[in-house]
């Protein structure tokens, strides 16, 4: 879940070539169980913005989130990423 990525404290890099967020843990995550050396690609606000910008540039009808049940912040369902899609589309 997005909140788990936030809780672990990944060092995040937005890769301009792939337009994706890449997270890396140089030490054990702040969540206490994500191991040092773990890296992953996920959607953060930069990645969502890139997707919506792409959809708009191709004049697509919009963008959506497949599973908003994981769009939370520290366990509270804040829908930060889903709300960002809405804001960018309007």
C-alpha atoms as a PDB file:
ATOM      1  CA  UNK A   1       0.000   0.000   0.000  1.00  0.00           C
ATOM      2  CA  UNK A   2       1.067   3.573  -0.582  1.00  0.00           C
ATOM      3  CA  UNK A   3       0.960   4.183   3.170  1.00  0.00           C
ATOM      4  CA  UNK A   4       3.349   1.269   3.745  1.00  0.00           C
ATOM      5  CA  UNK A   5       5.826   2.747   1.285  1.00  0.00           C
ATOM      6  CA  UNK A   6       5.557   6.070   3.148  1.00  0.00           C
ATOM      7  CA  UNK A   7       5.917   4.395   6.551  1.00  0.00           C
ATOM      8  CA  UNK A   8       9.041   2.460   5.525  1.00  0.00           C
ATOM      9  CA  UNK A   9      10.809   5.707   4.617  1.00  0.00           C
ATOM     10  CA  UNK A  10      12.131   4.880   1.163  1.00  0.00           C
ATOM     11  CA  UNK A  11      14.566   7.258  -0.466  1.00  0.00           C
ATOM     12  CA  UNK A  12      12.655   8.051  -3.635  1.00  0.00           C
ATOM     13  CA  UNK A  13      13.885   8.986  -7.066  1.00  0.00           C
ATOM     14  CA  UNK A  14      11.632   9.945  -9.957  1.00  0.00           C
ATOM     15  CA  UNK A  15      13.083   8.472 -13.140  1.00  0.00           C
ATOM     16  CA  UNK A  16      12.396  10.855 -16.020  1.00  0.00           C
ATOM     17  CA  UNK A  17      13.034   8.211 -18.677  1.00  0.00           C
ATOM     18  CA  UNK A  18      10.440   5.727 -17.368  1.00  0.00           C
ATOM     19  CA  UNK A  19       8.286   8.377 -15.663  1.00  0.00           C
ATOM     20  CA  UNK A  20       8.120   6.203 -12.561  1.00  0.00           C
ATOM     21  CA  UNK A  21       8.988   6.445  -8.891  1.00  0.00           C
ATOM     22  CA  UNK A  22      11.747   4.196  -7.585  1.00  0.00           C
ATOM     23  CA  UNK A  23      12.290   3.737  -3.865  1.00  0.00           C
ATOM     24  CA  UNK A  24      15.378   2.367  -2.126  1.00  0.00           C
ATOM     25  CA  UNK A  25      16.157   1.509   1.495  1.00  0.00           C
ATOM     26  CA  UNK A  26      19.834   1.882   2.421  1.00  0.00           C
ATOM     27  CA  UNK A  27      19.048   0.619   5.933  1.00  0.00           C
ATOM     28  CA  UNK A  28      16.203  -1.283   7.573  1.00  0.00           C
ATOM     29  CA  UNK A  29      12.939   0.557   6.955  1.00  0.00           C
ATOM     30  CA  UNK A  30      11.387   2.770   9.601  1.00  0.00           C
ATOM     31  CA  UNK A  31       8.503   0.276   9.652  1.00  0.00           C
ATOM     32  CA  UNK A  32      10.848  -2.226  11.332  1.00  0.00           C
ATOM     33  CA  UNK A  33      10.504  -5.034   8.803  1.00  0.00           C
ATOM     34  CA  UNK A  34      11.474  -3.790   5.344  1.00  0.00           C
ATOM     35  CA  UNK A  35      15.074  -4.942   4.817  1.00  0.00           C
ATOM     36  CA  UNK A  36      18.039  -2.782   3.875  1.00  0.00           C
ATOM     37  CA  UNK A  37      18.798  -2.981   0.160  1.00  0.00           C
ATOM     38  CA  UNK A  38      15.139  -3.265  -0.845  1.00  0.00           C
ATOM     39  CA  UNK A  39      14.150  -1.279  -3.907  1.00  0.00           C
ATOM     40  CA  UNK A  40      10.829  -1.028  -5.641  1.00  0.00           C
ATOM     41  CA  UNK A  41       8.927   0.900  -8.247  1.00  0.00           C
ATOM     42  CA  UNK A  42       5.609   2.380  -7.208  1.00  0.00           C
ATOM     43  CA  UNK A  43       3.287   5.286  -7.871  1.00  0.00           C
ATOM     44  CA  UNK A  44       3.835   8.406  -5.855  1.00  0.00           C
ATOM     45  CA  UNK A  45       2.483  11.856  -6.650  1.00  0.00           C
ATOM     46  CA  UNK A  46       5.124  12.396  -9.358  1.00  0.00           C
ATOM     47  CA  UNK A  47       4.177   9.135 -11.085  1.00  0.00           C
ATOM     48  CA  UNK A  48       0.461   9.885 -10.933  1.00  0.00           C
ATOM     49  CA  UNK A  49       1.101  13.353 -12.334  1.00  0.00           C
ATOM     50  CA  UNK A  50       3.094  11.835 -15.220  1.00  0.00           C
ATOM     51  CA  UNK A  51       0.236   9.435 -16.030  1.00  0.00           C
ATOM     52  CA  UNK A  52      -2.404  12.173 -16.015  1.00  0.00           C
ATOM     53  CA  UNK A  53      -0.185  14.481 -18.079  1.00  0.00           C
ATOM     54  CA  UNK A  54       0.302  11.684 -20.617  1.00  0.00           C
ATOM     55  CA  UNK A  55      -3.438  10.994 -20.800  1.00  0.00           C
ATOM     56  CA  UNK A  56      -4.124  14.681 -21.331  1.00  0.00           C
ATOM     57  CA  UNK A  57      -1.415  14.999 -24.001  1.00  0.00           C
ATOM     58  CA  UNK A  58      -3.027  12.132 -25.941  1.00  0.00           C
ATOM     59  CA  UNK A  59      -6.489  13.654 -25.445  1.00  0.00           C
ATOM     60  CA  UNK A  60      -7.703  10.550 -23.628  1.00  0.00           C
ATOM     61  CA  UNK A  61     -10.968  10.718 -21.703  1.00  0.00           C
ATOM     62  CA  UNK A  62      -9.230  10.600 -18.322  1.00  0.00           C
ATOM     63  CA  UNK A  63      -7.331   8.475 -15.832  1.00  0.00           C
ATOM     64  CA  UNK A  64      -8.488   6.285 -12.980  1.00  0.00           C
ATOM     65  CA  UNK A  65      -7.247   4.294 -10.044  1.00  0.00           C
ATOM     66  CA  UNK A  66      -7.796   0.534 -10.157  1.00  0.00           C
ATOM     67  CA  UNK A  67      -7.918  -0.050  -6.404  1.00  0.00           C
ATOM     68  CA  UNK A  68      -8.411   2.990  -4.200  1.00  0.00           C
ATOM     69  CA  UNK A  69      -8.586   0.854  -1.047  1.00  0.00           C
ATOM     70  CA  UNK A  70      -4.799   1.151  -0.846  1.00  0.00           C
ATOM     71  CA  UNK A  71      -4.722   4.935  -1.280  1.00  0.00           C
ATOM     72  CA  UNK A  72      -4.116   5.764   2.339  1.00  0.00           C
ATOM     73  CA  UNK A  73      -1.703   7.732   4.465  1.00  0.00           C
ATOM     74  CA  UNK A  74      -0.405   5.981   7.574  1.00  0.00           C
ATOM     75  CA  UNK A  75      -3.461   3.729   7.663  1.00  0.00           C
ATOM     76  CA  UNK A  76      -6.059   6.485   7.258  1.00  0.00           C
ATOM     77  CA  UNK A  77      -7.910   6.432   3.952  1.00  0.00           C
ATOM     78  CA  UNK A  78      -7.084   9.924   2.743  1.00  0.00           C
ATOM     79  CA  UNK A  79      -7.184   9.104  -0.990  1.00  0.00           C
ATOM     80  CA  UNK A  80      -4.232  11.414  -1.650  1.00  0.00           C
ATOM     81  CA  UNK A  81      -3.400   9.912  -5.046  1.00  0.00           C
ATOM     82  CA  UNK A  82      -7.002   9.582  -6.199  1.00  0.00           C
ATOM     83  CA  UNK A  83      -7.667  13.198  -5.217  1.00  0.00           C
ATOM     84  CA  UNK A  84      -4.571  14.251  -7.150  1.00  0.00           C
ATOM     85  CA  UNK A  85      -5.951  12.555 -10.295  1.00  0.00           C
ATOM     86  CA  UNK A  86      -9.168  14.520  -9.877  1.00  0.00           C
ATOM     87  CA  UNK A  87      -7.320  17.827  -9.328  1.00  0.00           C
ATOM     88  CA  UNK A  88      -5.057  17.344 -12.345  1.00  0.00           C
ATOM     89  CA  UNK A  89      -7.891  16.347 -14.656  1.00  0.00           C
ATOM     90  CA  UNK A  90      -9.988  19.392 -13.788  1.00  0.00           C
END
